[in-house]
Amino acid sequence: MRAAGRAIIKVFDIIGNEVETLVDKEFPAGVHEIKFDAAGLSSGIYFYRMNKGSFSVTRKMLLIK
């Protein structure tokens, strides 16, 4: 992150149910790495949403096991 602040990353299934919250905490400025363990999920299409301050982005991901 280019500036310090609270970051939230959540994963949703195809119908919009929240599956997991990966991150919900304060981070210092800089680049950070988050590991996602999808062992409890089945193959399919998921969405993840990243929020930090006024920035928000939602992206699609394909999980293949």
Protein backbone atom coordinates (compact mmCIF):
# COMPACT_ATOMS: atom_id res chain seq x y z
CA MET A 1 0.00 0.00 0.00
CA ARG A 2 1.30 3.37 -0.85
CA ALA A 3 -0.07 4.96 2.31
CA ALA A 4 -0.75 3.66 5.81
CA GLY A 5 -4.33 2.73 6.65
CA ARG A 6 -6.91 0.03 7.25
CA ALA A 7 -7.18 -2.62 4.52
CA ILE A 8 -10.00 -5.14 4.09
CA ILE A 9 -9.92 -8.09 1.68
CA LYS A 10 -12.92 -10.43 1.49
CA VAL A 11 -13.71 -13.46 -0.69
CA PHE A 12 -17.23 -14.15 -2.00
CA ASP A 13 -18.78 -17.11 -3.79
CA ILE A 14 -20.61 -16.82 -7.13
CA ILE A 15 -23.94 -15.91 -5.50
CA GLY A 16 -22.43 -13.21 -3.28
CA ASN A 17 -22.08 -15.03 0.05
CA GLU A 18 -19.00 -14.00 2.00
CA VAL A 19 -16.70 -17.02 2.19
CA GLU A 20 -13.73 -15.60 4.06
CA THR A 21 -12.21 -12.37 5.33
CA LEU A 22 -8.51 -12.51 4.49
CA VAL A 23 -7.52 -9.16 5.99
CA ASP A 24 -9.15 -6.55 8.20
CA LYS A 25 -6.41 -4.56 9.89
CA GLU A 26 -4.17 -1.50 9.82
CA PHE A 27 -1.07 -1.63 7.63
CA PRO A 28 1.94 0.68 7.46
CA ALA A 29 2.81 2.20 4.08
CA GLY A 30 4.57 -0.19 1.72
CA VAL A 31 4.05 -3.42 -0.20
CA HIS A 32 2.43 -6.36 1.61
CA GLU A 33 1.73 -9.99 0.75
CA ILE A 34 -1.30 -11.98 1.91
CA LYS A 35 -1.52 -15.78 1.58
CA PHE A 36 -4.90 -17.32 0.76
CA ASP A 37 -5.44 -20.93 1.85
CA ALA A 38 -8.37 -22.20 -0.22
CA ALA A 39 -8.19 -25.77 1.12
CA GLY A 40 -11.75 -25.58 2.46
CA LEU A 41 -13.25 -24.31 -0.80
CA SER A 42 -14.35 -26.24 -3.84
CA SER A 43 -13.28 -25.45 -7.39
CA GLY A 44 -15.25 -22.67 -9.02
CA ILE A 45 -15.55 -18.94 -9.58
CA TYR A 46 -15.07 -16.59 -6.65
CA PHE A 47 -14.78 -12.84 -6.25
CA TYR A 48 -12.51 -10.87 -3.97
CA ARG A 49 -13.03 -7.29 -2.85
CA MET A 50 -10.23 -5.05 -1.62
CA ASN A 51 -11.02 -1.85 0.29
CA LYS A 52 -8.65 0.76 1.64
CA GLY A 53 -9.97 4.19 2.46
CA SER A 54 -11.92 5.46 -0.54
CA PHE A 55 -10.32 2.86 -2.85
CA SER A 56 -12.37 -0.26 -3.60
CA VAL A 57 -11.94 -2.90 -6.28
CA THR A 58 -13.67 -6.24 -6.95
CA ARG A 59 -12.09 -8.90 -9.13
CA LYS A 60 -13.05 -12.39 -10.28
CA MET A 61 -10.85 -15.43 -9.65
CA LEU A 62 -11.05 -19.05 -10.76
CA LEU A 63 -10.12 -21.69 -8.21
CA ILE A 64 -9.00 -24.99 -9.74
CA LYS A 65 -8.09 -27.94 -7.55
